[in-house]
Amino acid sequence: MEHHQAEHPASGEARIAEAVSPENHEVLPQPEEHPQLKDAGDADGTAGEQTPVEQASRLAQGQDNLESPPPDASSSQLGPAHGTQPEVETVGACSRPQDLPLPPRARQPELDFYCVKWIPWKGERTPIVTQSSNGPCPLLAIMNILFLQWKVQLPPQKEVITSDELMAHLGDCLLSIKPQEKSEGLQLNFQQNVDDAMTVVPKLATGLDVNVRFTGVSDFEYTPECSIFDLLGIPLYHGWLVDPQSPEAVSAVGKLSYNQLVEKIITCKHSSDTNLVTEGLIAEQFLESTAAQLTYHGLCELTAAAKEGELSVFFRNNHFSTMTKHKGHLYLLVTDQGFLQEEQVVWESLHNVDGDSCFCDSDFHLSHSLGKGPGAGGARGSPEKRRQVDQTS
């Protein structure tokens, strides 16, 4: 997850990256970007018209292309554009074409400054960190919980903060945690967990590997990244569940994770067994029909699982949001930078799967000031604004 979306040229235009060698002043043709399965979801959890299986196939192709430059790229005889002078850089500085995105784990944010919004929270003036397009939402979701819990405090005049500062605060929190068990063996295990979590902290600025299971709102495939949530005592939830009233889907999906289910679909569709083919089609239909990654059954289970007043992280469409439960209803913290000056816009209700929601202030009272701000036009504003808010991940 990056801070800024990659720029795309107009349709039909070839991407061109200027060569860095002063001897030839070549222009290298830029290979087309390939969608990444982890970061390809839009506001509705879809990637154009691609099915999840097609995304997986494109992912495999994309990874190959990321490792190998296009053939004969270095021998291209194209000259620089008319009227422009090619930039001369140090040799070796362009080992990868300039516009080609790095793999998710290797991506580095271009800018790391984030605006701080001060809100009244339970009688205290409390900071939260906002984000523009493609901010490091895992880091911000966790840190905003620590701010709302007053475990991390900022100077009252603080208006801007960097990801390095946020990671330093998070590291201090992790190192300050004391093991609850006093036995030597458990203390050593706890220290190992802390060490593992500290190595994961830098990844929070670029994205996390999260693989949901469709059996429960707290069910994820365990990865080292999950240790941070465990150590901080922050629940991690999702709402992408199979409806038990659909027995065929329950049977087809089973207890598989998302990645395992995509692999199963690919295998079944190429099977000579008609039963397996049918099962694969049912599983694929489930993924397509729940591309928003939140089902009504999941929303009901999520509401039941979350505790009153609890602060947690909610994962949906490759985005991590700070979530709380107030008087039996779920709310997501509004971190879109477009609402930085909207003091009455702090929480957003989560009460259906279609994205139709309402903005509330810090006391969970319905906000009536949207006519002046970026959300004008309704509870969530226009569809364009809804997409903008949902895509800030």
Protein backbone atom coordinates (compact mmCIF):
# COMPACT_ATOMS: atom_id res chain seq x y z
CA MET A 1 0.00 0.00 0.00
CA GLU A 2 1.53 3.16 -1.16
CA HIS A 3 1.08 6.80 -0.39
CA HIS A 4 0.23 7.77 -3.95
CA GLN A 5 -1.32 5.86 -6.74
CA ALA A 6 0.92 5.23 -9.72
CA GLU A 7 0.30 7.66 -12.57
CA HIS A 8 -1.26 6.10 -15.64
CA PRO A 9 -0.77 7.53 -19.11
CA ALA A 10 -3.74 8.27 -21.33
CA SER A 11 -5.27 5.30 -23.09
CA GLY A 12 -3.24 4.09 -26.03
CA GLU A 13 -0.07 5.89 -25.03
CA ALA A 14 3.04 3.80 -24.48
CA ARG A 15 4.93 4.33 -21.25
CA ILE A 16 8.42 5.61 -21.94
CA ALA A 17 11.29 5.82 -19.47
CA GLU A 18 14.38 7.76 -20.46
CA ALA A 19 17.63 5.82 -20.36
CA VAL A 20 20.18 6.95 -17.86
CA SER A 21 23.34 6.33 -19.84
CA PRO A 22 24.83 9.57 -21.25
CA GLU A 23 26.44 7.63 -24.08
CA ASN A 24 23.31 6.55 -25.93
CA HIS A 25 20.47 8.71 -24.53
CA GLU A 26 18.09 5.90 -25.37
CA VAL A 27 14.45 5.71 -24.44
CA LEU A 28 13.32 2.40 -23.01
CA PRO A 29 9.78 1.17 -23.71
CA GLN A 30 7.98 0.68 -20.44
CA PRO A 31 6.32 -2.70 -19.81
CA GLU A 32 2.66 -2.62 -18.87
CA GLU A 33 1.87 -2.79 -15.16
CA HIS A 34 0.33 -5.98 -13.90
CA PRO A 35 -2.31 -5.89 -11.19
CA GLN A 36 -1.24 -7.20 -7.81
CA LEU A 37 -3.72 -9.47 -6.10
CA LYS A 38 -3.12 -7.82 -2.70
CA ASP A 39 -3.59 -4.22 -3.82
CA ALA A 40 -5.89 -4.48 -6.82
CA GLY A 41 -9.24 -4.11 -5.07
CA ASP A 42 -11.23 -0.96 -5.70
CA ALA A 43 -13.97 0.47 -3.50
CA ASP A 44 -16.27 -2.42 -4.26
CA GLY A 45 -13.55 -5.05 -3.91
CA THR A 46 -13.34 -5.65 -7.67
CA ALA A 47 -10.61 -5.10 -10.23
CA GLY A 48 -12.32 -4.08 -13.45
CA GLU A 49 -14.12 -7.07 -14.85
CA GLN A 50 -11.61 -9.63 -13.60
CA THR A 51 -12.66 -12.57 -11.50
CA PRO A 52 -10.51 -13.54 -8.49
CA VAL A 53 -9.16 -16.46 -10.48
CA GLU A 54 -8.19 -14.21 -13.37
CA GLN A 55 -6.51 -11.89 -10.90
CA ALA A 56 -4.49 -14.79 -9.55
CA SER A 57 -3.41 -15.71 -13.07
CA ARG A 58 -2.52 -12.13 -13.88
CA LEU A 59 -0.59 -11.97 -10.61
CA ALA A 60 1.57 -14.90 -11.59
CA GLN A 61 2.28 -13.31 -14.97
CA GLY A 62 2.98 -9.97 -13.34
CA GLN A 63 5.51 -11.43 -10.91
CA ASP A 64 7.38 -12.99 -13.82
CA ASN A 65 7.52 -9.69 -15.64
CA LEU A 66 8.66 -7.89 -12.52
CA GLU A 67 11.71 -10.14 -12.36
CA SER A 68 12.65 -10.00 -16.06
CA PRO A 69 12.83 -6.88 -18.27
CA PRO A 70 11.24 -7.04 -21.73
CA PRO A 71 13.48 -8.68 -24.35
CA ASP A 72 15.71 -6.41 -26.42
CA ALA A 73 14.76 -3.43 -24.25
CA SER A 74 18.39 -2.34 -24.02
CA SER A 75 18.78 -2.35 -27.81
CA SER A 76 15.84 -0.06 -28.52
CA GLN A 77 16.73 2.60 -31.11
CA LEU A 78 13.97 5.03 -30.19
CA GLY A 79 15.28 8.57 -29.71
CA PRO A 80 14.22 11.14 -27.13
CA ALA A 81 11.01 13.05 -27.67
CA HIS A 82 11.30 16.13 -29.90
CA GLY A 83 12.12 19.27 -27.97
CA THR A 84 13.13 17.53 -24.75
CA GLN A 85 16.52 16.74 -23.28
CA PRO A 86 17.05 13.33 -21.66
CA GLU A 87 18.09 13.44 -18.04
CA VAL A 88 21.57 12.15 -17.25
CA GLU A 89 21.85 10.14 -14.05
CA THR A 90 24.46 7.88 -12.52
CA VAL A 91 24.92 4.53 -14.21
CA GLY A 92 22.95 1.76 -12.58
CA ALA A 93 20.35 4.07 -11.10
CA CYS A 94 17.70 2.72 -13.43
CA SER A 95 17.99 -1.04 -12.91
CA ARG A 96 14.17 -1.12 -12.96
CA PRO A 97 12.03 1.01 -15.35
CA GLN A 98 10.94 4.13 -13.50
CA ASP A 99 7.17 3.64 -13.64
CA LEU A 100 7.11 -0.11 -12.98
CA PRO A 101 5.68 -0.71 -9.47
CA LEU A 102 7.77 -2.67 -7.04
CA PRO A 103 6.36 -5.86 -5.52
CA PRO A 104 4.06 -5.14 -2.55
CA ARG A 105 6.63 -6.08 0.09
CA ALA A 106 9.36 -3.96 -1.52
CA ARG A 107 7.36 -0.81 -2.13
CA GLN A 108 8.57 2.32 -0.41
CA PRO A 109 6.35 5.35 0.18
CA GLU A 110 7.23 8.41 -1.85
CA LEU A 111 5.97 10.87 0.75
CA ASP A 112 5.51 10.15 4.44
CA PHE A 113 3.89 13.28 5.85
CA TYR A 114 0.40 12.97 7.28
CA CYS A 115 -1.89 15.63 8.67
CA VAL A 116 -2.96 15.39 12.30
CA LYS A 117 -6.61 16.07 13.12
CA TRP A 118 -7.48 17.00 16.69
CA ILE A 119 -10.86 15.81 17.93
CA PRO A 120 -12.67 15.91 21.27
CA TRP A 121 -12.67 12.34 22.58
CA LYS A 122 -14.20 11.49 25.95
CA GLY A 123 -13.47 14.96 27.24
CA GLU A 124 -9.88 15.07 26.00
CA ARG A 125 -8.42 16.82 22.95
CA THR A 126 -7.04 13.82 21.09
CA PRO A 127 -5.08 13.51 17.83
CA ILE A 128 -5.85 11.16 14.98
CA VAL A 129 -3.79 10.78 11.82
CA THR A 130 -5.46 11.32 8.45
CA GLN A 131 -4.38 9.97 5.11
CA SER A 132 -4.53 11.00 1.50
CA SER A 133 -4.74 8.53 -1.37
CA ASN A 134 -2.87 5.29 -0.68
CA GLY A 135 -1.68 6.06 2.83
CA PRO A 136 -0.19 3.27 5.00
CA CYS A 137 -3.55 2.23 6.43
CA PRO A 138 -2.30 -0.66 8.65
CA LEU A 139 0.07 1.69 10.47
CA LEU A 140 -2.52 4.46 10.75
CA ALA A 141 -5.29 2.14 11.94
CA ILE A 142 -3.12 0.79 14.75
CA MET A 143 -1.68 4.17 15.73
CA ASN A 144 -5.09 5.84 15.79
CA ILE A 145 -6.22 3.23 18.30
CA LEU A 146 -3.18 3.98 20.46
CA PHE A 147 -3.99 7.70 20.22
CA LEU A 148 -7.63 7.11 21.17
CA GLN A 149 -6.45 4.98 24.09
CA TRP A 150 -4.01 7.78 25.07
CA LYS A 151 -1.16 5.28 25.03
CA VAL A 152 0.65 7.61 22.63
CA GLN A 153 0.46 11.37 22.97
CA LEU A 154 1.58 14.17 20.69
CA PRO A 155 2.51 17.81 21.42
CA PRO A 156 -0.68 19.92 21.37
CA GLN A 157 0.60 22.02 18.47
CA LYS A 158 1.45 19.01 16.29
CA GLU A 159 -0.12 19.33 12.83
CA VAL A 160 1.99 17.00 10.68
CA ILE A 161 3.65 13.67 11.43
CA THR A 162 5.80 11.27 9.43
CA SER A 163 5.58 7.50 9.12
CA ASP A 164 9.02 7.25 10.76
CA GLU A 165 7.70 9.09 13.80
CA LEU A 166 4.63 6.86 13.91
CA MET A 167 6.76 3.72 13.70
CA ALA A 168 9.03 5.04 16.46
CA HIS A 169 6.00 5.59 18.72
CA LEU A 170 4.72 2.10 17.88
CA GLY A 171 8.11 0.56 18.62
CA ASP A 172 8.17 2.28 22.02
CA CYS A 173 4.74 0.84 22.80
CA LEU A 174 5.81 -2.68 21.86
CA LEU A 175 9.00 -2.47 23.93
CA SER A 176 7.08 -1.17 26.95
CA ILE A 177 4.77 -4.20 27.07
CA LYS A 178 5.49 -6.53 29.97
CA PRO A 179 4.76 -10.28 29.93
CA GLN A 180 1.86 -11.34 32.12
CA GLU A 181 3.38 -14.72 32.82
CA LYS A 182 6.42 -14.90 35.12
CA SER A 183 7.80 -18.32 34.19
CA GLU A 184 11.15 -18.16 32.43
CA GLY A 185 9.99 -20.16 29.43
CA LEU A 186 6.96 -17.96 28.79
CA GLN A 187 9.03 -14.81 29.23
CA LEU A 188 11.50 -16.01 26.61
CA ASN A 189 8.63 -16.82 24.25
CA PHE A 190 7.14 -13.38 24.89
CA GLN A 191 10.46 -11.68 24.15
CA GLN A 192 10.73 -13.63 20.92
CA ASN A 193 7.24 -12.42 19.94
CA VAL A 194 8.27 -8.84 20.66
CA ASP A 195 11.42 -9.23 18.55
CA ASP A 196 9.38 -10.70 15.69
CA ALA A 197 6.88 -7.84 15.93
CA MET A 198 9.64 -5.24 15.83
CA THR A 199 10.92 -6.69 12.55
CA VAL A 200 7.42 -6.40 11.08
CA VAL A 201 6.88 -2.74 12.06
CA PRO A 202 8.50 -1.29 8.88
CA LYS A 203 6.09 -3.34 6.75
CA LEU A 204 3.16 -1.46 8.24
CA ALA A 205 4.09 1.54 6.12
CA THR A 206 3.71 -0.42 2.87
CA GLY A 207 1.06 -3.06 3.61
CA LEU A 208 0.46 -6.33 5.38
CA ASP A 209 -0.08 -9.87 4.16
CA VAL A 210 -3.53 -10.72 5.47
CA ASN A 211 -5.32 -13.88 4.37
CA VAL A 212 -8.89 -14.20 5.64
CA ARG A 213 -10.77 -17.39 6.37
CA PHE A 214 -14.49 -17.36 5.65
CA THR A 215 -15.48 -19.21 8.83
CA GLY A 216 -15.39 -16.41 11.41
CA VAL A 217 -14.85 -12.66 11.77
CA SER A 218 -11.62 -13.22 13.71
CA ASP A 219 -10.33 -16.02 11.48
CA PHE A 220 -7.15 -15.20 9.57
CA GLU A 221 -4.26 -17.34 8.44
CA TYR A 222 -1.55 -16.65 10.98
CA THR A 223 1.39 -14.61 9.73
CA PRO A 224 4.19 -12.86 11.64
CA GLU A 225 2.37 -9.59 10.99
CA CYS A 226 -0.50 -10.74 13.20
CA SER A 227 1.82 -10.76 16.23
CA ILE A 228 1.62 -6.96 16.44
CA PHE A 229 -2.14 -7.06 16.93
CA ASP A 230 -1.80 -9.82 19.53
CA LEU A 231 0.88 -8.04 21.54
CA LEU A 232 -1.00 -4.74 21.56
CA GLY A 233 -4.26 -6.47 22.46
CA ILE A 234 -5.98 -5.01 19.37
CA PRO A 235 -8.65 -7.27 17.82
CA LEU A 236 -8.45 -7.74 14.05
CA TYR A 237 -11.80 -8.40 12.35
CA HIS A 238 -13.28 -8.93 8.91
CA GLY A 239 -16.84 -9.56 7.73
CA TRP A 240 -16.34 -11.81 4.69
CA LEU A 241 -18.27 -14.89 5.80
CA VAL A 242 -20.19 -17.61 4.01
CA ASP A 243 -23.90 -17.56 4.76
CA PRO A 244 -24.77 -20.84 6.55
CA GLN A 245 -28.12 -20.76 4.76
CA SER A 246 -26.25 -21.50 1.53
CA PRO A 247 -25.12 -25.10 2.13
CA GLU A 248 -23.62 -25.50 -1.33
CA ALA A 249 -21.37 -22.48 -0.79
CA VAL A 250 -20.49 -23.67 2.71
CA SER A 251 -19.44 -27.02 1.30
CA ALA A 252 -17.47 -25.50 -1.58
CA VAL A 253 -15.62 -22.96 0.56
CA GLY A 254 -15.16 -25.08 3.69
CA LYS A 255 -12.46 -23.86 6.08
CA LEU A 256 -10.15 -22.64 3.35
CA SER A 257 -8.43 -19.27 3.38
CA TYR A 258 -8.85 -16.88 0.48
CA ASN A 259 -5.58 -17.93 -1.15
CA GLN A 260 -6.40 -21.62 -0.74
CA LEU A 261 -9.87 -21.09 -2.20
CA VAL A 262 -8.48 -19.39 -5.31
CA GLU A 263 -6.09 -22.31 -5.81
CA LYS A 264 -8.97 -24.76 -5.38
CA ILE A 265 -11.07 -22.92 -7.97
CA ILE A 266 -8.26 -23.08 -10.52
CA THR A 267 -7.72 -26.79 -9.87
CA CYS A 268 -11.42 -27.66 -10.01
CA LYS A 269 -12.05 -25.78 -13.23
CA HIS A 270 -9.38 -27.85 -14.96
CA SER A 271 -10.57 -31.14 -13.53
CA SER A 272 -12.21 -33.88 -15.58
CA ASP A 273 -14.51 -34.63 -12.64
CA THR A 274 -17.81 -32.84 -13.23
CA ASN A 275 -18.49 -32.69 -9.49
CA LEU A 276 -15.23 -30.88 -8.87
CA VAL A 277 -15.92 -28.52 -11.76
CA THR A 278 -19.32 -27.71 -10.27
CA GLU A 279 -17.82 -27.16 -6.84
CA GLY A 280 -15.22 -24.84 -8.33
CA LEU A 281 -17.89 -22.82 -10.09
CA ILE A 282 -19.89 -22.50 -6.86
CA ALA A 283 -16.81 -21.28 -5.01
CA GLU A 284 -16.03 -18.81 -7.78
CA GLN A 285 -19.60 -17.53 -7.74
CA PHE A 286 -19.27 -16.95 -3.98
CA LEU A 287 -16.18 -14.78 -4.46
CA GLU A 288 -17.79 -12.83 -7.29
CA SER A 289 -21.08 -12.25 -5.49
CA THR A 290 -19.30 -11.11 -2.30
CA ALA A 291 -16.63 -9.00 -3.97
CA ALA A 292 -17.40 -6.18 -1.49
CA GLN A 293 -15.80 -8.51 1.10
CA LEU A 294 -18.65 -7.97 3.55
CA THR A 295 -21.76 -10.14 3.73
CA TYR A 296 -24.91 -9.59 5.76
CA HIS A 297 -24.14 -12.71 7.76
CA GLY A 298 -20.64 -11.37 8.32
CA LEU A 299 -21.99 -7.99 9.44
CA CYS A 300 -24.31 -9.67 11.96
CA GLU A 301 -21.48 -11.82 13.31
CA LEU A 302 -19.18 -8.81 13.42
CA THR A 303 -21.70 -6.78 15.42
CA ALA A 304 -22.12 -9.66 17.84
CA ALA A 305 -18.38 -10.30 18.23
CA ALA A 306 -17.25 -6.72 18.81
CA LYS A 307 -17.48 -5.57 22.43
CA GLU A 308 -19.17 -2.36 23.49
CA GLY A 309 -16.65 0.48 23.50
CA GLU A 310 -13.93 -1.75 22.07
CA LEU A 311 -11.42 -0.27 19.64
CA SER A 312 -10.40 -2.70 16.91
CA VAL A 313 -9.08 -2.90 13.36
CA PHE A 314 -11.48 -3.86 10.57
CA PHE A 315 -10.07 -5.33 7.34
CA ARG A 316 -11.99 -5.00 4.09
CA ASN A 317 -11.01 -4.49 0.46
CA ASN A 318 -7.31 -4.40 1.34
CA HIS A 319 -7.96 -1.51 3.72
CA PHE A 320 -7.50 -1.43 7.48
CA SER A 321 -9.87 0.84 9.42
CA THR A 322 -10.14 1.76 13.08
CA MET A 323 -13.49 0.47 14.32
CA THR A 324 -15.52 0.80 17.51
CA LYS A 325 -18.90 -0.27 18.81
CA HIS A 326 -21.19 2.30 20.42
CA LYS A 327 -24.65 1.44 21.80
CA GLY A 328 -24.76 -1.73 19.75
CA HIS A 329 -23.76 -0.11 16.44
CA LEU A 330 -20.47 -0.27 14.55
CA TYR A 331 -18.55 2.81 13.44
CA LEU A 332 -15.38 3.33 11.40
CA LEU A 333 -13.00 6.21 12.11
CA VAL A 334 -13.01 8.74 9.25
CA THR A 335 -9.36 9.28 8.31
CA ASP A 336 -9.79 10.71 4.84
CA GLN A 337 -7.71 13.89 4.65
CA GLY A 338 -10.53 15.59 2.77
CA PHE A 339 -12.36 15.83 6.10
CA LEU A 340 -9.42 17.34 7.96
CA GLN A 341 -11.27 20.59 8.65
CA GLU A 342 -14.66 18.93 9.25
CA GLU A 343 -14.78 18.88 13.03
CA GLN A 344 -18.22 17.25 13.02
CA VAL A 345 -17.08 14.33 10.85
CA VAL A 346 -15.24 11.77 12.98
CA TRP A 347 -17.05 8.43 12.69
CA GLU A 348 -18.88 6.69 9.87
CA SER A 349 -21.58 4.14 10.53
CA LEU A 350 -21.19 0.56 9.34
CA HIS A 351 -24.70 -0.85 9.18
CA ASN A 352 -25.02 -2.41 5.71
CA VAL A 353 -22.88 -3.98 3.01
CA ASP A 354 -23.70 -1.48 0.25
CA GLY A 355 -21.65 1.46 1.54
CA ASP A 356 -24.71 3.58 2.39
CA SER A 357 -23.72 5.10 5.72
CA CYS A 358 -23.88 8.23 7.84
CA PHE A 359 -21.22 10.50 9.30
CA CYS A 360 -21.18 11.26 13.01
CA ASP A 361 -19.22 13.51 15.34
CA SER A 362 -16.96 12.31 18.13
CA ASP A 363 -20.00 11.71 20.37
CA PHE A 364 -21.67 9.61 17.65
CA HIS A 365 -24.30 12.26 16.95
CA LEU A 366 -25.39 12.54 13.32
CA SER A 367 -23.35 15.19 11.53
CA HIS A 368 -25.28 17.99 9.82
CA SER A 369 -22.34 20.02 8.50
CA LEU A 370 -21.66 18.08 5.32
CA GLY A 371 -23.16 20.76 3.09
CA LYS A 372 -20.01 22.81 3.66
CA GLY A 373 -17.46 20.08 3.14
CA PRO A 374 -16.33 17.33 0.78
CA GLY A 375 -19.22 15.05 1.70
CA ALA A 376 -21.94 17.40 0.44
CA GLY A 377 -24.74 15.68 -1.39
CA GLY A 378 -25.91 13.11 1.13
CA ALA A 379 -24.88 11.02 4.09
CA ARG A 380 -21.92 9.65 2.21
CA GLY A 381 -21.85 12.24 -0.58
CA SER A 382 -21.74 11.34 -4.26
CA PRO A 383 -20.68 7.89 -5.52
CA GLU A 384 -17.41 9.50 -6.63
CA LYS A 385 -16.76 10.70 -3.09
CA ARG A 386 -17.65 7.29 -1.68
CA ARG A 387 -15.05 5.70 -3.93
CA GLN A 388 -12.50 8.31 -2.92
CA VAL A 389 -13.07 7.66 0.76
CA ASP A 390 -13.03 3.87 0.41
CA GLN A 391 -9.88 3.83 -1.74
CA THR A 392 -7.68 5.69 0.75
CA SER A 393 -5.77 2.61 1.70
